[in-house]
Amino acid sequence: ARPAATGYAKGVPMGRDLAPRPGDGAAPVFLVQAARDPGTPAKPGAKLQRIQIVKAWPGEGGVLHQRVVDVAGGPNDAAVDTASCATSGPGHDALCGTWRDDAFDPAQGAVYYARVVENPTCRYSTYECNALPAERRPPSCGDPAVPKTIQERAWTSPIWYEPAPRG
């Protein structure tokens, strides 16, 4: 009932190192929780779409591997009208979930972090273009190469895992 207290008692907070896992090499379990920014009455915050865990680990020849897992929420039909910047569709005020790294190898170093993804909103340049009369808008306002929307992301400090020295 108190996830943060349990996490501190049995785990590590973001930005810390997981202890080496000798013996059975039990896979780590991650608890993630996020609440949306309510914003202001004039500019409300976007609803949350999903929380992801990103795992990265070094491979042969120094190649970095990455795995991204949706832990809570997921793809949805949220949309934004770029003419008015009004948002529509489903989303979440808060998300919470757990994930176990079933591919965990206690002999392989890794780094984990959580990423929270909001529903799409207008990009700052779209707000600026929309605020101008049509005849005063610079060419970039109509340039299809300039994205009109963005999905804001927040991420945590990483949690590091380094295997116990061999020998």
N, C-alpha and C. Protein backbone atom coordinates (compact mmCIF):
# COMPACT_ATOMS: atom_id res chain seq x y z
N ALA A 1 0.82 -1.20 0.00
CA ALA A 1 0.00 0.00 0.00
C ALA A 1 0.86 1.25 0.00
N ARG A 2 2.13 1.11 0.33
CA ARG A 2 3.05 2.25 0.32
C ARG A 2 4.21 1.91 -0.62
N PRO A 3 4.02 2.09 -1.93
CA PRO A 3 5.03 1.64 -2.89
C PRO A 3 6.40 2.27 -2.71
N ALA A 4 6.46 3.56 -2.39
CA ALA A 4 7.77 4.20 -2.23
C ALA A 4 8.51 3.60 -1.04
N ALA A 5 7.83 3.40 0.08
CA ALA A 5 8.47 2.82 1.26
C ALA A 5 8.98 1.41 0.97
N THR A 6 8.18 0.62 0.26
CA THR A 6 8.61 -0.73 -0.10
C THR A 6 9.82 -0.67 -1.02
N GLY A 7 9.79 0.24 -1.98
CA GLY A 7 10.91 0.38 -2.90
C GLY A 7 12.21 0.75 -2.20
N TYR A 8 12.14 1.70 -1.28
CA TYR A 8 13.34 2.09 -0.54
C TYR A 8 13.83 0.96 0.36
N ALA A 9 12.92 0.18 0.92
CA ALA A 9 13.30 -0.91 1.82
C ALA A 9 13.91 -2.09 1.06
N LYS A 10 13.41 -2.35 -0.15
CA LYS A 10 13.83 -3.56 -0.87
C LYS A 10 14.64 -3.27 -2.13
N GLY A 11 14.77 -2.01 -2.51
CA GLY A 11 15.41 -1.72 -3.78
C GLY A 11 16.33 -0.52 -3.70
N VAL A 12 16.46 0.15 -4.82
CA VAL A 12 17.28 1.35 -4.90
C VAL A 12 16.49 2.44 -5.63
N PRO A 13 16.70 3.71 -5.27
CA PRO A 13 16.04 4.79 -5.99
C PRO A 13 16.77 5.09 -7.30
N MET A 14 16.12 5.87 -8.15
CA MET A 14 16.77 6.24 -9.41
C MET A 14 18.09 6.94 -9.11
N GLY A 15 19.04 6.75 -10.01
CA GLY A 15 20.36 7.35 -9.85
C GLY A 15 21.34 6.50 -9.07
N ARG A 16 20.91 5.34 -8.62
CA ARG A 16 21.77 4.48 -7.80
C ARG A 16 22.15 3.22 -8.56
N ASP A 17 22.95 2.39 -7.90
CA ASP A 17 23.41 1.12 -8.47
C ASP A 17 22.66 -0.04 -7.84
N LEU A 18 22.25 -1.00 -8.67
CA LEU A 18 21.72 -2.26 -8.16
C LEU A 18 22.88 -3.08 -7.65
N ALA A 19 22.69 -3.78 -6.57
CA ALA A 19 23.74 -4.66 -6.04
C ALA A 19 23.95 -5.83 -6.99
N PRO A 20 25.19 -6.34 -7.10
CA PRO A 20 25.41 -7.55 -7.91
C PRO A 20 24.48 -8.66 -7.43
N ARG A 21 24.06 -9.51 -8.34
CA ARG A 21 23.10 -10.55 -8.04
C ARG A 21 23.74 -11.92 -8.20
N PRO A 22 24.53 -12.33 -7.20
CA PRO A 22 25.14 -13.66 -7.28
C PRO A 22 24.08 -14.73 -7.01
N GLY A 23 24.48 -15.96 -7.11
CA GLY A 23 23.54 -17.05 -6.83
C GLY A 23 22.55 -17.22 -7.95
N ASP A 24 21.27 -17.12 -7.62
CA ASP A 24 20.24 -17.37 -8.63
C ASP A 24 20.09 -16.22 -9.62
N GLY A 25 20.70 -15.07 -9.36
CA GLY A 25 20.64 -13.94 -10.30
C GLY A 25 19.22 -13.46 -10.53
N ALA A 26 18.44 -13.35 -9.47
CA ALA A 26 17.04 -12.95 -9.60
C ALA A 26 16.90 -11.66 -10.41
N ALA A 27 15.96 -11.67 -11.32
CA ALA A 27 15.73 -10.52 -12.19
C ALA A 27 15.20 -9.34 -11.37
N PRO A 28 15.67 -8.14 -11.65
CA PRO A 28 15.15 -6.96 -10.94
C PRO A 28 13.73 -6.64 -11.38
N VAL A 29 12.98 -6.06 -10.46
CA VAL A 29 11.63 -5.59 -10.73
C VAL A 29 11.61 -4.09 -10.51
N PHE A 30 11.02 -3.36 -11.43
CA PHE A 30 10.97 -1.91 -11.37
C PHE A 30 9.54 -1.44 -11.16
N LEU A 31 9.36 -0.53 -10.22
CA LEU A 31 8.08 0.11 -9.97
C LEU A 31 8.17 1.54 -10.49
N VAL A 32 7.25 1.92 -11.35
CA VAL A 32 7.24 3.28 -11.91
C VAL A 32 5.87 3.91 -11.69
N GLN A 33 5.90 5.20 -11.42
CA GLN A 33 4.67 5.93 -11.14
C GLN A 33 4.86 7.36 -11.63
N ALA A 34 3.85 7.92 -12.27
CA ALA A 34 3.93 9.30 -12.77
C ALA A 34 2.56 9.95 -12.71
N ALA A 35 2.56 11.25 -12.48
CA ALA A 35 1.34 12.05 -12.51
C ALA A 35 1.55 13.18 -13.50
N ARG A 36 0.51 13.51 -14.22
CA ARG A 36 0.64 14.57 -15.23
C ARG A 36 0.76 15.93 -14.57
N ASP A 37 1.37 16.85 -15.29
CA ASP A 37 1.43 18.25 -14.89
C ASP A 37 0.07 18.86 -15.21
N PRO A 38 -0.65 19.38 -14.21
CA PRO A 38 -1.98 19.93 -14.51
C PRO A 38 -1.92 21.20 -15.35
N GLY A 39 -0.76 21.86 -15.38
CA GLY A 39 -0.65 23.10 -16.14
C GLY A 39 -1.37 24.24 -15.45
N THR A 40 -1.92 25.14 -16.26
CA THR A 40 -2.66 26.30 -15.75
C THR A 40 -4.02 26.33 -16.46
N PRO A 41 -4.95 27.14 -15.96
CA PRO A 41 -6.23 27.25 -16.67
C PRO A 41 -6.05 27.72 -18.12
N ALA A 42 -5.09 28.61 -18.35
CA ALA A 42 -4.86 29.11 -19.71
C ALA A 42 -4.16 28.09 -20.60
N LYS A 43 -3.33 27.26 -20.01
CA LYS A 43 -2.58 26.26 -20.79
C LYS A 43 -2.49 24.97 -19.97
N PRO A 44 -3.55 24.16 -20.02
CA PRO A 44 -3.53 22.92 -19.24
C PRO A 44 -2.46 21.96 -19.73
N GLY A 45 -1.95 21.15 -18.82
CA GLY A 45 -0.96 20.14 -19.18
C GLY A 45 -1.60 19.02 -19.97
N ALA A 46 -0.79 18.33 -20.74
CA ALA A 46 -1.29 17.21 -21.55
C ALA A 46 -1.49 15.98 -20.67
N LYS A 47 -2.41 15.14 -21.10
CA LYS A 47 -2.61 13.85 -20.42
C LYS A 47 -1.41 12.95 -20.74
N LEU A 48 -1.19 11.97 -19.87
CA LEU A 48 -0.11 11.01 -20.08
C LEU A 48 -0.57 9.91 -21.03
N GLN A 49 0.35 9.46 -21.88
CA GLN A 49 0.06 8.35 -22.78
C GLN A 49 0.60 7.04 -22.24
N ARG A 50 1.87 7.04 -21.79
CA ARG A 50 2.48 5.79 -21.34
C ARG A 50 3.71 6.05 -20.49
N ILE A 51 4.08 5.03 -19.72
CA ILE A 51 5.38 4.98 -19.04
C ILE A 51 6.13 3.81 -19.65
N GLN A 52 7.39 4.05 -19.96
CA GLN A 52 8.24 3.01 -20.54
C GLN A 52 9.47 2.80 -19.66
N ILE A 53 10.00 1.60 -19.70
CA ILE A 53 11.33 1.33 -19.16
C ILE A 53 12.24 1.16 -20.37
N VAL A 54 13.37 1.84 -20.34
CA VAL A 54 14.39 1.69 -21.37
C VAL A 54 15.57 0.98 -20.73
N LYS A 55 15.97 -0.14 -21.32
CA LYS A 55 17.13 -0.90 -20.85
C LYS A 55 18.19 -0.81 -21.95
N ALA A 56 19.42 -0.52 -21.55
CA ALA A 56 20.53 -0.50 -22.50
C ALA A 56 21.67 -1.33 -21.92
N TRP A 57 22.41 -2.00 -22.82
CA TRP A 57 23.53 -2.82 -22.37
C TRP A 57 24.54 -2.92 -23.51
N PRO A 58 25.82 -3.06 -23.16
CA PRO A 58 26.85 -3.15 -24.19
C PRO A 58 26.90 -4.56 -24.78
N GLY A 59 27.13 -4.60 -26.07
CA GLY A 59 27.28 -5.88 -26.75
C GLY A 59 28.69 -6.04 -27.28
N GLU A 60 28.86 -7.05 -28.11
CA GLU A 60 30.18 -7.30 -28.69
C GLU A 60 30.61 -6.12 -29.56
N GLY A 61 31.88 -5.81 -29.50
CA GLY A 61 32.43 -4.73 -30.30
C GLY A 61 31.98 -3.35 -29.85
N GLY A 62 31.47 -3.25 -28.62
CA GLY A 62 31.05 -1.95 -28.10
C GLY A 62 29.71 -1.46 -28.62
N VAL A 63 28.96 -2.33 -29.31
CA VAL A 63 27.65 -1.95 -29.83
C VAL A 63 26.66 -1.85 -28.66
N LEU A 64 25.95 -0.75 -28.58
CA LEU A 64 24.98 -0.55 -27.52
C LEU A 64 23.63 -1.09 -27.96
N HIS A 65 23.06 -1.97 -27.15
CA HIS A 65 21.74 -2.52 -27.41
C HIS A 65 20.73 -1.78 -26.55
N GLN A 66 19.48 -1.73 -27.03
CA GLN A 66 18.45 -1.03 -26.29
C GLN A 66 17.13 -1.77 -26.44
N ARG A 67 16.38 -1.81 -25.36
CA ARG A 67 15.04 -2.40 -25.38
C ARG A 67 14.10 -1.41 -24.70
N VAL A 68 12.96 -1.14 -25.31
CA VAL A 68 11.97 -0.22 -24.76
C VAL A 68 10.69 -1.01 -24.51
N VAL A 69 10.19 -0.94 -23.27
CA VAL A 69 9.01 -1.70 -22.87
C VAL A 69 7.96 -0.75 -22.31
N ASP A 70 6.73 -0.85 -22.82
CA ASP A 70 5.62 -0.10 -22.23
C ASP A 70 5.22 -0.79 -20.93
N VAL A 71 5.23 -0.05 -19.83
CA VAL A 71 4.92 -0.61 -18.51
C VAL A 71 3.49 -0.24 -18.09
N ALA A 72 3.05 0.94 -18.43
CA ALA A 72 1.69 1.38 -18.10
C ALA A 72 1.21 2.28 -19.23
N GLY A 73 -0.09 2.23 -19.52
CA GLY A 73 -0.60 2.98 -20.65
C GLY A 73 -0.14 2.33 -21.94
N GLY A 74 -0.15 3.08 -23.02
CA GLY A 74 0.28 2.55 -24.31
C GLY A 74 -0.21 3.44 -25.42
N PRO A 75 -0.02 3.00 -26.67
CA PRO A 75 -0.48 3.80 -27.80
C PRO A 75 -1.99 4.07 -27.65
N ASN A 76 -2.40 5.26 -28.06
CA ASN A 76 -3.82 5.59 -27.99
C ASN A 76 -4.19 6.44 -29.20
N ASP A 77 -5.43 6.85 -29.25
CA ASP A 77 -5.91 7.64 -30.39
C ASP A 77 -5.95 9.13 -30.08
N ALA A 78 -5.13 9.58 -29.14
CA ALA A 78 -5.10 11.01 -28.82
C ALA A 78 -4.66 11.79 -30.05
N ALA A 79 -5.21 12.98 -30.19
CA ALA A 79 -4.91 13.80 -31.37
C ALA A 79 -4.84 15.27 -30.95
N VAL A 80 -4.33 16.07 -31.87
CA VAL A 80 -4.28 17.52 -31.66
C VAL A 80 -4.66 18.20 -32.97
N ASP A 81 -5.53 19.19 -32.87
CA ASP A 81 -5.92 20.01 -34.01
C ASP A 81 -4.88 21.12 -34.12
N THR A 82 -4.05 21.08 -35.15
CA THR A 82 -2.94 22.04 -35.23
C THR A 82 -3.42 23.46 -35.55
N ALA A 83 -4.64 23.63 -36.02
CA ALA A 83 -5.15 24.98 -36.28
C ALA A 83 -5.52 25.69 -34.97
N SER A 84 -6.03 24.93 -34.00
CA SER A 84 -6.43 25.53 -32.73
C SER A 84 -5.57 25.07 -31.55
N CYS A 85 -4.80 24.03 -31.75
CA CYS A 85 -3.98 23.38 -30.72
C CYS A 85 -4.84 22.70 -29.65
N ALA A 86 -6.11 22.47 -29.94
CA ALA A 86 -6.99 21.74 -29.02
C ALA A 86 -6.64 20.25 -29.10
N THR A 87 -6.56 19.62 -27.93
CA THR A 87 -6.27 18.19 -27.88
C THR A 87 -7.56 17.41 -27.68
N SER A 88 -7.54 16.15 -28.10
CA SER A 88 -8.70 15.28 -27.94
C SER A 88 -8.23 13.84 -27.80
N GLY A 89 -9.12 13.02 -27.28
CA GLY A 89 -8.82 11.60 -27.16
C GLY A 89 -8.47 11.19 -25.75
N PRO A 90 -8.20 9.90 -25.59
CA PRO A 90 -7.94 9.36 -24.26
C PRO A 90 -6.57 9.74 -23.73
N GLY A 91 -6.40 9.55 -22.46
CA GLY A 91 -5.12 9.80 -21.79
C GLY A 91 -5.30 9.57 -20.31
N HIS A 92 -4.23 9.76 -19.56
CA HIS A 92 -4.24 9.45 -18.13
C HIS A 92 -3.75 10.63 -17.31
N ASP A 93 -4.38 10.82 -16.15
CA ASP A 93 -3.89 11.81 -15.19
C ASP A 93 -2.70 11.26 -14.41
N ALA A 94 -2.68 9.94 -14.23
CA ALA A 94 -1.58 9.27 -13.51
C ALA A 94 -1.45 7.86 -14.04
N LEU A 95 -0.25 7.32 -13.96
CA LEU A 95 0.04 5.95 -14.38
C LEU A 95 0.95 5.30 -13.35
N CYS A 96 0.82 4.00 -13.20
CA CYS A 96 1.66 3.25 -12.28
C CYS A 96 1.76 1.83 -12.81
N GLY A 97 2.92 1.21 -12.68
CA GLY A 97 3.08 -0.17 -13.11
C GLY A 97 4.40 -0.75 -12.65
N THR A 98 4.54 -2.05 -12.83
CA THR A 98 5.79 -2.74 -12.51
C THR A 98 6.24 -3.52 -13.73
N TRP A 99 7.55 -3.75 -13.80
CA TRP A 99 8.13 -4.53 -14.89
C TRP A 99 9.29 -5.34 -14.34
N ARG A 100 9.32 -6.62 -14.70
CA ARG A 100 10.42 -7.53 -14.35
C ARG A 100 11.24 -7.77 -15.61
N ASP A 101 12.54 -7.63 -15.48
CA ASP A 101 13.44 -7.87 -16.62
C ASP A 101 13.65 -9.37 -16.77
N ASP A 102 12.76 -10.01 -17.53
CA ASP A 102 12.84 -11.46 -17.71
C ASP A 102 14.04 -11.88 -18.57
N ALA A 103 14.68 -10.93 -19.24
CA ALA A 103 15.88 -11.24 -20.03
C ALA A 103 17.14 -10.90 -19.23
N PHE A 104 17.01 -10.68 -17.93
CA PHE A 104 18.14 -10.28 -17.10
C PHE A 104 19.23 -11.34 -17.10
N ASP A 105 20.47 -10.90 -17.30
CA ASP A 105 21.65 -11.76 -17.23
C ASP A 105 22.55 -11.19 -16.13
N PRO A 106 22.70 -11.90 -15.00
CA PRO A 106 23.49 -11.35 -13.90
C PRO A 106 24.96 -11.13 -14.24
N ALA A 107 25.43 -11.68 -15.37
CA ALA A 107 26.82 -11.49 -15.78
C ALA A 107 26.98 -10.32 -16.75
N GLN A 108 25.89 -9.63 -17.09
CA GLN A 108 25.92 -8.55 -18.07
C GLN A 108 25.54 -7.22 -17.43
N GLY A 109 26.40 -6.21 -17.57
CA GLY A 109 26.07 -4.87 -17.08
C GLY A 109 24.92 -4.28 -17.87
N ALA A 110 24.18 -3.40 -17.25
CA ALA A 110 23.04 -2.76 -17.92
C ALA A 110 22.70 -1.45 -17.22
N VAL A 111 21.93 -0.65 -17.91
CA VAL A 111 21.40 0.59 -17.33
C VAL A 111 19.91 0.63 -17.66
N TYR A 112 19.13 1.10 -16.70
CA TYR A 112 17.68 1.18 -16.85
C TYR A 112 17.22 2.60 -16.51
N TYR A 113 16.25 3.11 -17.25
CA TYR A 113 15.61 4.36 -16.84
C TYR A 113 14.15 4.32 -17.29
N ALA A 114 13.33 5.10 -16.61
CA ALA A 114 11.92 5.21 -16.98
C ALA A 114 11.73 6.46 -17.82
N ARG A 115 10.80 6.35 -18.76
CA ARG A 115 10.47 7.47 -19.63
C ARG A 115 8.94 7.62 -19.62
N VAL A 116 8.47 8.82 -19.37
CA VAL A 116 7.03 9.11 -19.36
C VAL A 116 6.73 9.92 -20.62
N VAL A 117 5.74 9.47 -21.39
CA VAL A 117 5.39 10.11 -22.66
C VAL A 117 3.99 10.71 -22.56
N GLU A 118 3.89 12.00 -22.88
CA GLU A 118 2.58 12.66 -22.89
C GLU A 118 1.89 12.42 -24.23
N ASN A 119 0.59 12.69 -24.25
CA ASN A 119 -0.15 12.72 -25.51
C ASN A 119 0.42 13.85 -26.37
N PRO A 120 0.19 13.80 -27.68
CA PRO A 120 0.70 14.87 -28.54
C PRO A 120 0.07 16.22 -28.23
N THR A 121 0.87 17.26 -28.41
CA THR A 121 0.43 18.65 -28.28
C THR A 121 1.07 19.45 -29.41
N CYS A 122 0.63 20.69 -29.57
CA CYS A 122 1.27 21.55 -30.57
C CYS A 122 2.71 21.85 -30.15
N ARG A 123 3.58 21.87 -31.13
CA ARG A 123 4.96 22.29 -30.92
C ARG A 123 4.96 23.80 -30.70
N TYR A 124 5.97 24.31 -29.99
CA TYR A 124 6.02 25.75 -29.67
C TYR A 124 5.89 26.60 -30.93
N SER A 125 6.51 26.19 -32.03
CA SER A 125 6.46 26.99 -33.26
C SER A 125 5.04 27.03 -33.84
N THR A 126 4.25 26.00 -33.61
CA THR A 126 2.86 26.00 -34.09
C THR A 126 2.05 27.04 -33.33
N TYR A 127 2.25 27.12 -32.00
CA TYR A 127 1.58 28.17 -31.22
C TYR A 127 1.96 29.55 -31.75
N GLU A 128 3.25 29.75 -32.02
CA GLU A 128 3.71 31.06 -32.51
C GLU A 128 3.12 31.38 -33.87
N CYS A 129 3.12 30.40 -34.77
CA CYS A 129 2.54 30.63 -36.10
C CYS A 129 1.05 30.94 -36.00
N ASN A 130 0.33 30.19 -35.17
CA ASN A 130 -1.11 30.41 -35.03
C ASN A 130 -1.44 31.78 -34.44
N ALA A 131 -0.53 32.35 -33.68
CA ALA A 131 -0.77 33.66 -33.06
C ALA A 131 -0.63 34.82 -34.06
N LEU A 132 -0.03 34.54 -35.20
CA LEU A 132 0.18 35.59 -36.21
C LEU A 132 -0.95 35.59 -37.23
N PRO A 133 -1.31 36.76 -37.76
CA PRO A 133 -2.25 36.79 -38.89
C PRO A 133 -1.64 36.01 -40.06
N ALA A 134 -2.47 35.35 -40.84
CA ALA A 134 -1.98 34.49 -41.93
C ALA A 134 -1.01 35.21 -42.86
N GLU A 135 -1.28 36.49 -43.15
CA GLU A 135 -0.41 37.22 -44.09
C GLU A 135 0.95 37.57 -43.50
N ARG A 136 1.11 37.46 -42.18
CA ARG A 136 2.38 37.80 -41.54
C ARG A 136 3.19 36.57 -41.14
N ARG A 137 2.70 35.41 -41.45
CA ARG A 137 3.39 34.18 -41.05
C ARG A 137 4.60 33.94 -41.96
N PRO A 138 5.74 33.59 -41.37
CA PRO A 138 6.92 33.28 -42.19
C PRO A 138 6.71 31.97 -42.94
N PRO A 139 7.50 31.75 -43.99
CA PRO A 139 7.36 30.52 -44.78
C PRO A 139 7.46 29.24 -43.95
N SER A 140 8.23 29.29 -42.87
CA SER A 140 8.39 28.08 -42.06
C SER A 140 7.07 27.60 -41.46
N CYS A 141 6.10 28.50 -41.31
CA CYS A 141 4.79 28.10 -40.76
C CYS A 141 4.07 27.12 -41.67
N GLY A 142 4.33 27.18 -42.95
CA GLY A 142 3.70 26.26 -43.90
C GLY A 142 4.62 25.16 -44.39
N ASP A 143 5.83 25.12 -43.88
CA ASP A 143 6.82 24.14 -44.32
C ASP A 143 6.48 22.75 -43.77
N PRO A 144 6.20 21.78 -44.64
CA PRO A 144 5.85 20.44 -44.15
C PRO A 144 7.02 19.73 -43.45
N ALA A 145 8.23 20.23 -43.62
CA ALA A 145 9.38 19.62 -42.95
C ALA A 145 9.48 20.05 -41.48
N VAL A 146 8.75 21.10 -41.10
CA VAL A 146 8.76 21.57 -39.71
C VAL A 146 7.61 20.88 -38.97
N PRO A 147 7.92 20.05 -37.98
CA PRO A 147 6.85 19.34 -37.27
C PRO A 147 5.88 20.31 -36.60
N LYS A 148 4.60 19.97 -36.66
CA LYS A 148 3.56 20.81 -36.06
C LYS A 148 3.24 20.37 -34.63
N THR A 149 3.51 19.10 -34.33
CA THR A 149 3.20 18.57 -33.00
C THR A 149 4.44 17.94 -32.38
N ILE A 150 4.33 17.67 -31.10
CA ILE A 150 5.42 17.05 -30.35
C ILE A 150 4.81 16.17 -29.26
N GLN A 151 5.53 15.16 -28.85
CA GLN A 151 5.15 14.38 -27.68
C GLN A 151 6.24 14.59 -26.65
N GLU A 152 5.91 15.39 -25.64
CA GLU A 152 6.89 15.69 -24.58
C GLU A 152 7.20 14.42 -23.80
N ARG A 153 8.44 14.34 -23.33
CA ARG A 153 8.90 13.18 -22.56
C ARG A 153 9.63 13.67 -21.32
N ALA A 154 9.48 12.90 -20.28
CA ALA A 154 10.28 13.12 -19.06
C ALA A 154 10.97 11.80 -18.77
N TRP A 155 12.17 11.85 -18.23
CA TRP A 155 12.86 10.61 -17.92
C TRP A 155 13.52 10.71 -16.57
N THR A 156 13.76 9.55 -16.00
CA THR A 156 14.36 9.48 -14.67
C THR A 156 15.87 9.39 -14.78
N SER A 157 16.52 9.58 -13.67
CA SER A 157 17.94 9.26 -13.59
C SER A 157 18.06 7.74 -13.75
N PRO A 158 19.15 7.27 -14.32
CA PRO A 158 19.27 5.83 -14.54
C PRO A 158 19.55 5.04 -13.27
N ILE A 159 19.22 3.77 -13.33
CA ILE A 159 19.64 2.79 -12.33
C ILE A 159 20.63 1.89 -13.05
N TRP A 160 21.80 1.75 -12.46
CA TRP A 160 22.90 1.02 -13.08
C TRP A 160 23.01 -0.38 -12.48
N TYR A 161 23.39 -1.34 -13.32
CA TYR A 161 23.71 -2.67 -12.82
C TYR A 161 25.07 -3.07 -13.36
N GLU A 162 25.96 -3.43 -12.46
CA GLU A 162 27.29 -3.92 -12.83
C GLU A 162 27.46 -5.28 -12.16
N PRO A 163 27.82 -6.31 -12.94
CA PRO A 163 27.95 -7.64 -12.35
C PRO A 163 29.10 -7.71 -11.34
N ALA A 164 29.00 -8.69 -10.47
CA ALA A 164 30.08 -8.92 -9.50
C ALA A 164 31.34 -9.33 -10.25
N PRO A 165 32.50 -8.92 -9.76
CA PRO A 165 33.75 -9.33 -10.42
C PRO A 165 33.87 -10.85 -10.41
N ARG A 166 34.39 -11.38 -11.50
CA ARG A 166 34.58 -12.83 -11.59
C ARG A 166 35.85 -13.22 -10.86
N GLY A 167 35.80 -14.43 -10.33
CA GLY A 167 37.03 -14.94 -9.74
C GLY A 167 36.93 -15.10 -8.33
